[in-house]
Amino acid sequence: ADSVKGRFTISRDNAKNTVYLQMNSLQPEDTAVYYCAARGSWHSGATF
């Protein structure tokens, strides 16, 4: 999202079945409940 570009980094370690969200330069407007989601489709692509 434009609001987090340059501050947040998403990455994954498939060997661990884990996805990460590194959040830097956090601001009060980042306050929220953060949810992880999966597409459920084989070899699917990133989408908003």
All heavy atoms as atom14 arrays in JSON, in Angstrom:
{
  "sequence": "ADSVKGRFTISRDNAKNTVYLQMNSLQPEDTAVYYCAARGSWHSGATF",
  "atom14_mask": [
    [1, 1, 1, 1, 1, 0, 0, 0, 0, 0, 0, 0, 0, 0],
    [1, 1, 1, 1, 1, 1, 1, 1, 0, 0, 0, 0, 0, 0],
    [1, 1, 1, 1, 1, 1, 0, 0, 0, 0, 0, 0, 0, 0],
    [1, 1, 1, 1, 1, 1, 1, 0, 0, 0, 0, 0, 0, 0],
    [1, 1, 1, 1, 1, 1, 1, 1, 1, 0, 0, 0, 0, 0],
    [1, 1, 1, 1, 0, 0, 0, 0, 0, 0, 0, 0, 0, 0],
    [1, 1, 1, 1, 1, 1, 1, 1, 1, 1, 1, 0, 0, 0],
    [1, 1, 1, 1, 1, 1, 1, 1, 1, 1, 1, 0, 0, 0],
    [1, 1, 1, 1, 1, 1, 1, 0, 0, 0, 0, 0, 0, 0],
    [1, 1, 1, 1, 1, 1, 1, 1, 0, 0, 0, 0, 0, 0],
    [1, 1, 1, 1, 1, 1, 0, 0, 0, 0, 0, 0, 0, 0],
    [1, 1, 1, 1, 1, 1, 1, 1, 1, 1, 1, 0, 0, 0],
    [1, 1, 1, 1, 1, 1, 1, 1, 0, 0, 0, 0, 0, 0],
    [1, 1, 1, 1, 1, 1, 1, 1, 0, 0, 0, 0, 0, 0],
    [1, 1, 1, 1, 1, 0, 0, 0, 0, 0, 0, 0, 0, 0],
    [1, 1, 1, 1, 1, 1, 1, 1, 1, 0, 0, 0, 0, 0],
    [1, 1, 1, 1, 1, 1, 1, 1, 0, 0, 0, 0, 0, 0],
    [1, 1, 1, 1, 1, 1, 1, 0, 0, 0, 0, 0, 0, 0],
    [1, 1, 1, 1, 1, 1, 1, 0, 0, 0, 0, 0, 0, 0],
    [1, 1, 1, 1, 1, 1, 1, 1, 1, 1, 1, 1, 0, 0],
    [1, 1, 1, 1, 1, 1, 1, 1, 0, 0, 0, 0, 0, 0],
    [1, 1, 1, 1, 1, 1, 1, 1, 1, 0, 0, 0, 0, 0],
    [1, 1, 1, 1, 1, 1, 1, 1, 0, 0, 0, 0, 0, 0],
    [1, 1, 1, 1, 1, 1, 1, 1, 0, 0, 0, 0, 0, 0],
    [1, 1, 1, 1, 1, 1, 0, 0, 0, 0, 0, 0, 0, 0],
    [1, 1, 1, 1, 1, 1, 1, 1, 0, 0, 0, 0, 0, 0],
    [1, 1, 1, 1, 1, 1, 1, 1, 1, 0, 0, 0, 0, 0],
    [1, 1, 1, 1, 1, 1, 1, 0, 0, 0, 0, 0, 0, 0],
    [1, 1, 1, 1, 1, 1, 1, 1, 1, 0, 0, 0, 0, 0],
    [1, 1, 1, 1, 1, 1, 1, 1, 0, 0, 0, 0, 0, 0],
    [1, 1, 1, 1, 1, 1, 1, 0, 0, 0, 0, 0, 0, 0],
    [1, 1, 1, 1, 1, 0, 0, 0, 0, 0, 0, 0, 0, 0],
    [1, 1, 1, 1, 1, 1, 1, 0, 0, 0, 0, 0, 0, 0],
    [1, 1, 1, 1, 1, 1, 1, 1, 1, 1, 1, 1, 0, 0],
    [1, 1, 1, 1, 1, 1, 1, 1, 1, 1, 1, 1, 0, 0],
    [1, 1, 1, 1, 1, 1, 0, 0, 0, 0, 0, 0, 0, 0],
    [1, 1, 1, 1, 1, 0, 0, 0, 0, 0, 0, 0, 0, 0],
    [1, 1, 1, 1, 1, 0, 0, 0, 0, 0, 0, 0, 0, 0],
    [1, 1, 1, 1, 1, 1, 1, 1, 1, 1, 1, 0, 0, 0],
    [1, 1, 1, 1, 0, 0, 0, 0, 0, 0, 0, 0, 0, 0],
    [1, 1, 1, 1, 1, 1, 0, 0, 0, 0, 0, 0, 0, 0],
    [1, 1, 1, 1, 1, 1, 1, 1, 1, 1, 1, 1, 1, 1],
    [1, 1, 1, 1, 1, 1, 1, 1, 1, 1, 0, 0, 0, 0],
    [1, 1, 1, 1, 1, 1, 0, 0, 0, 0, 0, 0, 0, 0],
    [1, 1, 1, 1, 0, 0, 0, 0, 0, 0, 0, 0, 0, 0],
    [1, 1, 1, 1, 1, 0, 0, 0, 0, 0, 0, 0, 0, 0],
    [1, 1, 1, 1, 1, 1, 1, 0, 0, 0, 0, 0, 0, 0],
    [1, 1, 1, 1, 1, 1, 1, 1, 1, 1, 1, 0, 0, 0]
  ],
  "atom14_positions": [
    [[0.84, -1.18, 0.0], [0.0, 0.0, 0.0], [0.88, 1.24, 0.0], [1.98, 1.25, 0.57], [-0.9, 0.01, 1.22], [0.0, 0.0, 0.0], [0.0, 0.0, 0.0], [0.0, 0.0, 0.0], [0.0, 0.0, 0.0], [0.0, 0.0, 0.0], [0.0, 0.0, 0.0], [0.0, 0.0, 0.0], [0.0, 0.0, 0.0], [0.0, 0.0, 0.0]],
    [[0.4, 2.3, -0.64], [1.19, 3.53, -0.71], [1.56, 4.06, 0.67], [2.63, 4.62, 0.87], [0.42, 4.61, -1.47], [0.34, 4.33, -2.96], [1.14, 3.52, -3.46], [-0.52, 4.93, -3.62], [0.0, 0.0, 0.0], [0.0, 0.0, 0.0], [0.0, 0.0, 0.0], [0.0, 0.0, 0.0], [0.0, 0.0, 0.0], [0.0, 0.0, 0.0]],
    [[0.68, 3.85, 1.63], [0.89, 4.39, 2.96], [2.05, 3.74, 3.71], [2.53, 4.3, 4.7], [-0.38, 4.25, 3.79], [-0.78, 2.9, 3.91], [0.0, 0.0, 0.0], [0.0, 0.0, 0.0], [0.0, 0.0, 0.0], [0.0, 0.0, 0.0], [0.0, 0.0, 0.0], [0.0, 0.0, 0.0], [0.0, 0.0, 0.0], [0.0, 0.0, 0.0]],
    [[2.51, 2.57, 3.25], [3.57, 1.88, 3.97], [4.82, 1.67, 3.13], [5.82, 1.14, 3.64], [3.09, 0.51, 4.51], [1.84, 0.68, 5.36], [2.84, -0.48, 3.37], [0.0, 0.0, 0.0], [0.0, 0.0, 0.0], [0.0, 0.0, 0.0], [0.0, 0.0, 0.0], [0.0, 0.0, 0.0], [0.0, 0.0, 0.0], [0.0, 0.0, 0.0]],
    [[4.82, 2.1, 1.88], [5.99, 1.93, 1.02], [7.21, 2.61, 1.63], [7.13, 3.75, 2.08], [5.71, 2.49, -0.37], [4.8, 1.65, -1.22], [4.59, 2.27, -2.59], [3.68, 1.43, -3.45], [3.43, 2.06, -4.76], [0.0, 0.0, 0.0], [0.0, 0.0, 0.0], [0.0, 0.0, 0.0], [0.0, 0.0, 0.0], [0.0, 0.0, 0.0]],
    [[8.31, 1.91, 1.62], [9.54, 2.44, 2.18], [9.67, 2.24, 3.66], [10.76, 2.47, 4.21], [0.0, 0.0, 0.0], [0.0, 0.0, 0.0], [0.0, 0.0, 0.0], [0.0, 0.0, 0.0], [0.0, 0.0, 0.0], [0.0, 0.0, 0.0], [0.0, 0.0, 0.0], [0.0, 0.0, 0.0], [0.0, 0.0, 0.0], [0.0, 0.0, 0.0]],
    [[8.61, 1.83, 4.33], [8.64, 1.62, 5.77], [8.45, 0.16, 6.15], [9.05, -0.32, 7.11], [7.57, 2.46, 6.47], [7.73, 3.95, 6.26], [6.79, 4.74, 7.17], [5.39, 4.46, 6.88], [4.52, 3.98, 7.77], [4.91, 3.73, 9.02], [3.25, 3.77, 7.42], [0.0, 0.0, 0.0], [0.0, 0.0, 0.0], [0.0, 0.0, 0.0]],
    [[7.59, -0.54, 5.42], [7.28, -1.93, 5.73], [7.9, -2.84, 4.68], [8.01, -2.48, 3.5], [5.76, -2.17, 5.73], [5.02, -1.52, 6.85], [5.61, -0.6, 7.7], [3.68, -1.84, 7.05], [4.89, -0.01, 8.73], [2.96, -1.26, 8.07], [3.56, -0.34, 8.92], [0.0, 0.0, 0.0], [0.0, 0.0, 0.0], [0.0, 0.0, 0.0]],
    [[8.27, -4.04, 5.09], [8.8, -5.04, 4.18], [8.16, -6.39, 4.47], [8.2, -6.86, 5.62], [10.33, -5.17, 4.32], [10.95, -3.91, 4.06], [10.86, -6.2, 3.32], [0.0, 0.0, 0.0], [0.0, 0.0, 0.0], [0.0, 0.0, 0.0], [0.0, 0.0, 0.0], [0.0, 0.0, 0.0], [0.0, 0.0, 0.0], [0.0, 0.0, 0.0]],
    [[7.57, -6.98, 3.45], [7.01, -8.31, 3.59], [8.01, -9.33, 3.05], [8.67, -9.08, 2.04], [5.65, -8.43, 2.87], [4.98, -9.77, 3.19], [5.79, -8.22, 1.37], [3.54, -9.86, 2.69], [0.0, 0.0, 0.0], [0.0, 0.0, 0.0], [0.0, 0.0, 0.0], [0.0, 0.0, 0.0], [0.0, 0.0, 0.0], [0.0, 0.0, 0.0]],
    [[8.13, -10.44, 3.72], [9.04, -11.49, 3.29], [8.47, -12.83, 3.73], [7.5, -12.88, 4.49], [10.44, -11.29, 3.87], [10.42, -11.32, 5.28], [0.0, 0.0, 0.0], [0.0, 0.0, 0.0], [0.0, 0.0, 0.0], [0.0, 0.0, 0.0], [0.0, 0.0, 0.0], [0.0, 0.0, 0.0], [0.0, 0.0, 0.0], [0.0, 0.0, 0.0]],
    [[9.07, -13.9, 3.25], [8.6, -15.21, 3.65], [9.74, -16.21, 3.68], [10.73, -16.08, 2.96], [7.47, -15.7, 2.74], [7.88, -16.02, 1.31], [6.64, -16.23, 0.44], [5.79, -17.3, 0.95], [4.51, -17.47, 0.61], [3.92, -16.63, -0.22], [3.82, -18.49, 1.13], [0.0, 0.0, 0.0], [0.0, 0.0, 0.0], [0.0, 0.0, 0.0]],
    [[9.57, -17.2, 4.52], [10.48, -18.32, 4.61], [9.62, -19.57, 4.43], [8.99, -20.04, 5.38], [11.2, -18.34, 5.95], [12.24, -19.44, 6.04], [12.22, -20.37, 5.22], [13.09, -19.37, 6.95], [0.0, 0.0, 0.0], [0.0, 0.0, 0.0], [0.0, 0.0, 0.0], [0.0, 0.0, 0.0], [0.0, 0.0, 0.0], [0.0, 0.0, 0.0]],
    [[9.58, -20.07, 3.21], [8.69, -21.19, 2.92], [9.11, -22.47, 3.63], [8.27, -23.35, 3.86], [8.59, -21.41, 1.42], [7.69, -20.39, 0.75], [6.93, -19.69, 1.41], [7.78, -20.31, -0.57], [0.0, 0.0, 0.0], [0.0, 0.0, 0.0], [0.0, 0.0, 0.0], [0.0, 0.0, 0.0], [0.0, 0.0, 0.0], [0.0, 0.0, 0.0]],
    [[10.38, -22.59, 3.95], [10.83, -23.76, 4.7], [10.21, -23.78, 6.09], [10.06, -24.85, 6.68], [12.35, -23.78, 4.8], [0.0, 0.0, 0.0], [0.0, 0.0, 0.0], [0.0, 0.0, 0.0], [0.0, 0.0, 0.0], [0.0, 0.0, 0.0], [0.0, 0.0, 0.0], [0.0, 0.0, 0.0], [0.0, 0.0, 0.0], [0.0, 0.0, 0.0]],
    [[9.85, -22.62, 6.6], [9.23, -22.51, 7.92], [7.73, -22.26, 7.84], [7.08, -22.1, 8.88], [9.88, -21.4, 8.73], [11.34, -21.62, 9.03], [11.91, -20.48, 9.85], [13.36, -20.71, 10.19], [13.93, -19.59, 10.98], [0.0, 0.0, 0.0], [0.0, 0.0, 0.0], [0.0, 0.0, 0.0], [0.0, 0.0, 0.0], [0.0, 0.0, 0.0]],
    [[7.18, -22.19, 6.63], [5.76, -21.87, 6.45], [5.38, -20.57, 7.14], [4.29, -20.45, 7.71], [4.88, -23.01, 6.99], [4.49, -24.01, 5.91], [5.12, -24.09, 4.87], [3.44, -24.78, 6.19], [0.0, 0.0, 0.0], [0.0, 0.0, 0.0], [0.0, 0.0, 0.0], [0.0, 0.0, 0.0], [0.0, 0.0, 0.0], [0.0, 0.0, 0.0]],
    [[6.26, -19.59, 7.06], [6.07, -18.35, 7.8], [6.25, -17.14, 6.9], [7.15, -17.1, 6.07], [7.04, -18.27, 8.98], [6.82, -19.4, 9.84], [6.83, -17.0, 9.78], [0.0, 0.0, 0.0], [0.0, 0.0, 0.0], [0.0, 0.0, 0.0], [0.0, 0.0, 0.0], [0.0, 0.0, 0.0], [0.0, 0.0, 0.0], [0.0, 0.0, 0.0]],
    [[5.37, -16.16, 7.09], [5.45, -14.87, 6.41], [5.69, -13.79, 7.46], [5.14, -13.86, 8.57], [4.17, -14.58, 5.61], [4.23, -13.21, 4.95], [3.95, -15.65, 4.56], [0.0, 0.0, 0.0], [0.0, 0.0, 0.0], [0.0, 0.0, 0.0], [0.0, 0.0, 0.0], [0.0, 0.0, 0.0], [0.0, 0.0, 0.0], [0.0, 0.0, 0.0]],
    [[6.49, -12.8, 7.1], [6.84, -11.75, 8.03], [6.43, -10.38, 7.49], [6.33, -10.17, 6.29], [8.36, -11.73, 8.28], [8.91, -13.05, 8.74], [9.47, -13.93, 7.84], [8.87, -13.41, 10.08], [9.99, -15.15, 8.25], [9.37, -14.61, 10.51], [9.93, -15.49, 9.59], [10.44, -16.68, 10.02], [0.0, 0.0, 0.0], [0.0, 0.0, 0.0]],
    [[6.22, -9.46, 8.41], [6.02, -8.07, 8.05], [6.91, -7.23, 8.97], [6.61, -7.08, 10.15], [4.56, -7.65, 8.19], [4.25, -6.22, 7.74], [4.41, -6.09, 6.23], [2.85, -5.8, 8.16], [0.0, 0.0, 0.0], [0.0, 0.0, 0.0], [0.0, 0.0, 0.0], [0.0, 0.0, 0.0], [0.0, 0.0, 0.0], [0.0, 0.0, 0.0]],
    [[8.0, -6.74, 8.42], [8.89, -5.86, 9.15], [8.36, -4.44, 9.03], [8.22, -3.92, 7.93], [10.31, -5.94, 8.61], [11.29, -5.01, 9.29], [11.53, -5.38, 10.73], [11.76, -6.55, 11.04], [11.47, -4.4, 11.63], [0.0, 0.0, 0.0], [0.0, 0.0, 0.0], [0.0, 0.0, 0.0], [0.0, 0.0, 0.0], [0.0, 0.0, 0.0]],
    [[8.06, -3.82, 10.15], [7.46, -2.5, 10.17], [8.42, -1.54, 10.84], [8.72, -1.68, 12.03], [6.12, -2.52, 10.9], [5.13, -3.53, 10.34], [3.49, -3.42, 11.12], [3.93, -3.92, 12.79], [0.0, 0.0, 0.0], [0.0, 0.0, 0.0], [0.0, 0.0, 0.0], [0.0, 0.0, 0.0], [0.0, 0.0, 0.0], [0.0, 0.0, 0.0]],
    [[8.9, -0.57, 10.09], [9.81, 0.44, 10.6], [9.15, 1.82, 10.54], [8.17, 2.02, 9.83], [11.11, 0.46, 9.79], [11.86, -0.85, 9.85], [11.86, -1.53, 10.87], [12.53, -1.19, 8.75], [0.0, 0.0, 0.0], [0.0, 0.0, 0.0], [0.0, 0.0, 0.0], [0.0, 0.0, 0.0], [0.0, 0.0, 0.0], [0.0, 0.0, 0.0]],
    [[9.73, 2.76, 11.26], [9.23, 4.14, 11.28], [7.73, 4.18, 11.54], [6.98, 4.9, 10.87], [9.56, 4.85, 9.97], [10.95, 4.86, 9.74], [0.0, 0.0, 0.0], [0.0, 0.0, 0.0], [0.0, 0.0, 0.0], [0.0, 0.0, 0.0], [0.0, 0.0, 0.0], [0.0, 0.0, 0.0], [0.0, 0.0, 0.0], [0.0, 0.0, 0.0]],
    [[7.29, 3.42, 12.51], [5.87, 3.32, 12.81], [5.31, 4.66, 13.29], [5.98, 5.4, 14.01], [5.62, 2.25, 13.85], [5.71, 0.82, 13.32], [5.87, -0.17, 14.46], [4.47, 0.49, 12.5], [0.0, 0.0, 0.0], [0.0, 0.0, 0.0], [0.0, 0.0, 0.0], [0.0, 0.0, 0.0], [0.0, 0.0, 0.0], [0.0, 0.0, 0.0]],
    [[4.1, 4.94, 12.88], [3.39, 6.16, 13.22], [2.06, 5.81, 13.86], [1.54, 4.71, 13.68], [3.18, 7.02, 11.99], [4.47, 7.44, 11.29], [5.36, 8.26, 12.19], [4.9, 9.19, 12.86], [6.64, 7.95, 12.22], [0.0, 0.0, 0.0], [0.0, 0.0, 0.0], [0.0, 0.0, 0.0], [0.0, 0.0, 0.0], [0.0, 0.0, 0.0]],
    [[1.47, 6.75, 14.61], [0.19, 6.45, 15.25], [-0.89, 5.98, 14.28], [-1.73, 5.16, 14.66], [-0.19, 7.79, 15.89], [1.12, 8.43, 16.2], [2.01, 8.05, 15.04], [0.0, 0.0, 0.0], [0.0, 0.0, 0.0], [0.0, 0.0, 0.0], [0.0, 0.0, 0.0], [0.0, 0.0, 0.0], [0.0, 0.0, 0.0], [0.0, 0.0, 0.0]],
    [[-0.87, 6.46, 13.05], [-1.86, 6.02, 12.08], [-1.7, 4.57, 11.66], [-2.56, 4.02, 10.97], [-1.85, 6.93, 10.84], [-0.49, 7.1, 10.21], [0.23, 8.35, 10.69], [0.11, 8.7, 11.87], [0.9, 8.99, 9.85], [0.0, 0.0, 0.0], [0.0, 0.0, 0.0], [0.0, 0.0, 0.0], [0.0, 0.0, 0.0], [0.0, 0.0, 0.0]],
    [[-0.6, 3.93, 12.04], [-0.42, 2.52, 11.79], [-1.12, 1.65, 12.82], [-1.14, 0.42, 12.68], [1.07, 2.16, 11.76], [1.81, 2.83, 10.63], [1.3, 2.84, 9.49], [2.93, 3.35, 10.88], [0.0, 0.0, 0.0], [0.0, 0.0, 0.0], [0.0, 0.0, 0.0], [0.0, 0.0, 0.0], [0.0, 0.0, 0.0], [0.0, 0.0, 0.0]],
    [[-1.64, 2.25, 13.86], [-2.33, 1.51, 14.9], [-3.54, 0.78, 14.32], [-4.4, 1.39, 13.7], [-2.77, 2.44, 16.03], [-1.63, 2.99, 16.68], [-3.62, 1.7, 17.05], [0.0, 0.0, 0.0], [0.0, 0.0, 0.0], [0.0, 0.0, 0.0], [0.0, 0.0, 0.0], [0.0, 0.0, 0.0], [0.0, 0.0, 0.0], [0.0, 0.0, 0.0]],
    [[-3.58, -0.52, 14.52], [-4.65, -1.34, 13.97], [-4.46, -2.78, 14.41], [-3.41, -3.14, 14.95], [-4.65, -1.28, 12.44], [0.0, 0.0, 0.0], [0.0, 0.0, 0.0], [0.0, 0.0, 0.0], [0.0, 0.0, 0.0], [0.0, 0.0, 0.0], [0.0, 0.0, 0.0], [0.0, 0.0, 0.0], [0.0, 0.0, 0.0], [0.0, 0.0, 0.0]],
    [[-5.47, -3.58, 14.16], [-5.31, -5.02, 14.23], [-4.8, -5.49, 12.88], [-5.4, -5.19, 11.85], [-6.62, -5.73, 14.59], [-6.44, -7.25, 14.57], [-7.11, -5.27, 15.95], [0.0, 0.0, 0.0], [0.0, 0.0, 0.0], [0.0, 0.0, 0.0], [0.0, 0.0, 0.0], [0.0, 0.0, 0.0], [0.0, 0.0, 0.0], [0.0, 0.0, 0.0]],
    [[-3.71, -6.22, 12.87], [-3.1, -6.7, 11.64], [-3.44, -8.16, 11.42], [-3.27, -8.99, 12.31], [-1.58, -6.51, 11.7], [-1.16, -5.08, 11.46], [-1.42, -4.1, 12.41], [-0.51, -4.71, 10.28], [-1.07, -2.79, 12.2], [-0.15, -3.39, 10.06], [-0.43, -2.44, 11.02], [-0.06, -1.13, 10.8], [0.0, 0.0, 0.0], [0.0, 0.0, 0.0]],
    [[-3.92, -8.45, 10.22], [-4.36, -9.79, 9.86], [-3.5, -10.37, 8.76], [-3.19, -9.69, 7.77], [-5.81, -9.78, 9.38], [-6.81, -9.35, 10.41], [-7.2, -8.03, 10.53], [-7.38, -10.28, 11.28], [-8.12, -7.63, 11.48], [-8.31, -9.9, 12.23], [-8.67, -8.57, 12.32], [-9.6, -8.19, 13.26], [0.0, 0.0, 0.0], [0.0, 0.0, 0.0]],
    [[-3.14, -11.61, 8.9], [-2.46, -12.37, 7.87], [-3.51, -13.13, 7.06], [-4.5, -13.61, 7.61], [-1.48, -13.34, 8.53], [-0.67, -14.49, 7.42], [0.0, 0.0, 0.0], [0.0, 0.0, 0.0], [0.0, 0.0, 0.0], [0.0, 0.0, 0.0], [0.0, 0.0, 0.0], [0.0, 0.0, 0.0], [0.0, 0.0, 0.0], [0.0, 0.0, 0.0]],
    [[-3.3, -13.22, 5.75], [-4.25, -13.91, 4.89], [-3.52, -14.71, 3.83], [-2.42, -14.36, 3.41], [-5.18, -12.89, 4.22], [0.0, 0.0, 0.0], [0.0, 0.0, 0.0], [0.0, 0.0, 0.0], [0.0, 0.0, 0.0], [0.0, 0.0, 0.0], [0.0, 0.0, 0.0], [0.0, 0.0, 0.0], [0.0, 0.0, 0.0], [0.0, 0.0, 0.0]],
    [[-4.16, -15.79, 3.4], [-3.63, -16.65, 2.35], [-4.63, -16.78, 1.22], [-5.84, -16.88, 1.46], [-3.29, -18.03, 2.92], [0.0, 0.0, 0.0], [0.0, 0.0, 0.0], [0.0, 0.0, 0.0], [0.0, 0.0, 0.0], [0.0, 0.0, 0.0], [0.0, 0.0, 0.0], [0.0, 0.0, 0.0], [0.0, 0.0, 0.0], [0.0, 0.0, 0.0]],
    [[-4.13, -16.81, -0.01], [-5.03, -16.91, -1.17], [-5.67, -18.27, -1.32], [-6.77, -18.37, -1.81], [-4.28, -16.54, -2.44], [-4.02, -15.06, -2.59], [-3.65, -14.72, -4.03], [-4.72, -15.05, -4.97], [-4.67, -14.83, -6.27], [-3.59, -14.28, -6.8], [-5.69, -15.18, -7.04], [0.0, 0.0, 0.0], [0.0, 0.0, 0.0], [0.0, 0.0, 0.0]],
    [[-4.97, -19.32, -0.95], [-5.5, -20.66, -1.09], [-5.46, -21.21, -2.5], [-6.17, -22.18, -2.79], [0.0, 0.0, 0.0], [0.0, 0.0, 0.0], [0.0, 0.0, 0.0], [0.0, 0.0, 0.0], [0.0, 0.0, 0.0], [0.0, 0.0, 0.0], [0.0, 0.0, 0.0], [0.0, 0.0, 0.0], [0.0, 0.0, 0.0], [0.0, 0.0, 0.0]],
    [[-4.64, -20.62, -3.36], [-4.48, -21.09, -4.74], [-3.02, -21.42, -5.0], [-2.14, -20.65, -4.63], [-4.95, -20.03, -5.73], [-6.33, -19.74, -5.56], [0.0, 0.0, 0.0], [0.0, 0.0, 0.0], [0.0, 0.0, 0.0], [0.0, 0.0, 0.0], [0.0, 0.0, 0.0], [0.0, 0.0, 0.0], [0.0, 0.0, 0.0], [0.0, 0.0, 0.0]],
    [[-2.79, -22.54, -5.64], [-1.45, -23.04, -5.9], [-0.64, -22.05, -6.73], [-1.07, -21.6, -7.8], [-1.54, -24.38, -6.6], [-0.26, -25.11, -6.75], [0.56, -25.15, -7.84], [0.36, -25.95, -5.76], [1.63, -25.95, -7.6], [1.54, -26.45, -6.34], [0.02, -26.32, -4.47], [2.39, -27.32, -5.65], [0.87, -27.18, -3.78], [2.03, -27.66, -4.37]],
    [[0.55, -21.71, -6.25], [1.49, -20.81, -6.93], [0.85, -19.49, -7.35], [1.08, -18.96, -8.43], [2.1, -21.5, -8.15], [3.06, -22.59, -7.78], [3.86, -23.2, -8.72], [3.35, -23.17, -6.6], [4.61, -24.12, -8.12], [4.31, -24.12, -6.83], [0.0, 0.0, 0.0], [0.0, 0.0, 0.0], [0.0, 0.0, 0.0], [0.0, 0.0, 0.0]],
    [[0.04, -18.93, -6.47], [-0.67, -17.7, -6.74], [0.21, -16.47, -6.58], [1.29, -16.52, -5.99], [-1.9, -17.59, -5.83], [-1.55, -17.85, -4.48], [0.0, 0.0, 0.0], [0.0, 0.0, 0.0], [0.0, 0.0, 0.0], [0.0, 0.0, 0.0], [0.0, 0.0, 0.0], [0.0, 0.0, 0.0], [0.0, 0.0, 0.0], [0.0, 0.0, 0.0]],
    [[-0.27, -15.36, -7.14], [0.47, -14.12, -7.12], [-0.04, -13.13, -6.09], [-1.17, -13.21, -5.62], [0.0, 0.0, 0.0], [0.0, 0.0, 0.0], [0.0, 0.0, 0.0], [0.0, 0.0, 0.0], [0.0, 0.0, 0.0], [0.0, 0.0, 0.0], [0.0, 0.0, 0.0], [0.0, 0.0, 0.0], [0.0, 0.0, 0.0], [0.0, 0.0, 0.0]],
    [[0.82, -12.18, -5.75], [0.47, -11.15, -4.79], [-0.65, -10.27, -5.35], [-0.66, -9.92, -6.52], [1.69, -10.29, -4.47], [0.0, 0.0, 0.0], [0.0, 0.0, 0.0], [0.0, 0.0, 0.0], [0.0, 0.0, 0.0], [0.0, 0.0, 0.0], [0.0, 0.0, 0.0], [0.0, 0.0, 0.0], [0.0, 0.0, 0.0], [0.0, 0.0, 0.0]],
    [[-1.58, -9.91, -4.48], [-2.68, -9.06, -4.9], [-3.17, -8.22, -3.73], [-3.09, -8.64, -2.57], [-3.85, -9.87, -5.47], [-4.91, -8.99, -5.86], [-4.39, -10.86, -4.45], [0.0, 0.0, 0.0], [0.0, 0.0, 0.0], [0.0, 0.0, 0.0], [0.0, 0.0, 0.0], [0.0, 0.0, 0.0], [0.0, 0.0, 0.0], [0.0, 0.0, 0.0]],
    [[-3.67, -7.04, -4.03], [-4.26, -6.18, -3.02], [-5.73, -6.47, -2.81], [-6.34, -5.94, -1.87], [-4.11, -4.7, -3.41], [-4.85, -4.33, -4.66], [-6.17, -3.93, -4.62], [-4.21, -4.38, -5.9], [-6.86, -3.59, -5.77], [-4.88, -4.05, -7.06], [-6.21, -3.66, -7.0], [0.0, 0.0, 0.0], [0.0, 0.0, 0.0], [0.0, 0.0, 0.0]]
  ]
}
